[in-house]
Amino acid sequence: MKRDPFKQYIKDPDRKAKLYLLVTGAMIVTTALITIGTIVFILLIIGII
């Protein structure tokens, strides 16, 4: 039976919290980048930029 390194990593509460903050931050940054990209794309189609 293989050991799952992810389960071994998140057994420690501090590491679990850091991983949670990292994933949450990545989701926020990704959402912001998609929004900015969409606005720039719309502005390019309209011809403002």
Protein backbone atom coordinates (compact mmCIF):
# COMPACT_ATOMS: atom_id res chain seq x y z
CA MET A 1 0.00 0.00 0.00
CA LYS A 2 1.37 3.40 -1.00
CA ARG A 3 1.49 6.31 1.39
CA ASP A 4 -0.18 9.46 0.19
CA PRO A 5 2.26 12.38 0.57
CA PHE A 6 -0.59 14.90 0.56
CA LYS A 7 -2.29 13.28 3.55
CA GLN A 8 1.06 13.13 5.34
CA TYR A 9 1.59 16.85 4.61
CA ILE A 10 -1.79 18.03 5.92
CA LYS A 11 -1.65 16.09 9.18
CA ASP A 12 0.14 19.09 10.72
CA PRO A 13 -2.39 21.90 11.44
CA ASP A 14 0.12 24.65 10.64
CA ARG A 15 0.85 23.22 7.21
CA LYS A 16 -2.86 22.72 6.61
CA ALA A 17 -3.50 26.39 7.43
CA LYS A 18 -0.67 27.56 5.17
CA LEU A 19 -2.00 25.43 2.33
CA TYR A 20 -5.50 26.83 2.87
CA LEU A 21 -4.19 30.41 2.72
CA LEU A 22 -2.15 29.63 -0.40
CA VAL A 23 -5.12 28.09 -2.21
CA THR A 24 -7.42 30.94 -1.15
CA GLY A 25 -4.91 33.53 -2.33
CA ALA A 26 -4.46 31.73 -5.64
CA MET A 27 -8.23 31.69 -6.20
CA ILE A 28 -8.48 35.43 -5.49
CA VAL A 29 -5.57 36.28 -7.80
CA THR A 30 -6.94 34.04 -10.56
CA THR A 31 -10.36 35.69 -10.33
CA ALA A 32 -8.81 39.16 -10.50
CA LEU A 33 -6.69 38.24 -13.53
CA ILE A 34 -9.66 36.75 -15.37
CA THR A 35 -11.71 39.88 -14.65
CA ILE A 36 -8.95 42.23 -15.84
CA GLY A 37 -8.40 40.12 -18.95
CA THR A 38 -12.11 40.16 -19.77
CA ILE A 39 -12.31 43.94 -19.38
CA VAL A 40 -9.25 44.47 -21.60
CA PHE A 41 -10.68 42.07 -24.19
CA ILE A 42 -13.99 43.93 -24.27
CA LEU A 43 -12.19 47.27 -24.58
CA LEU A 44 -10.12 45.89 -27.47
CA ILE A 45 -13.25 44.67 -29.28
CA ILE A 46 -15.01 48.01 -28.80
CA GLY A 47 -11.90 49.83 -30.06
CA ILE A 48 -11.14 51.98 -27.04
CA ILE A 49 -7.66 50.53 -26.62
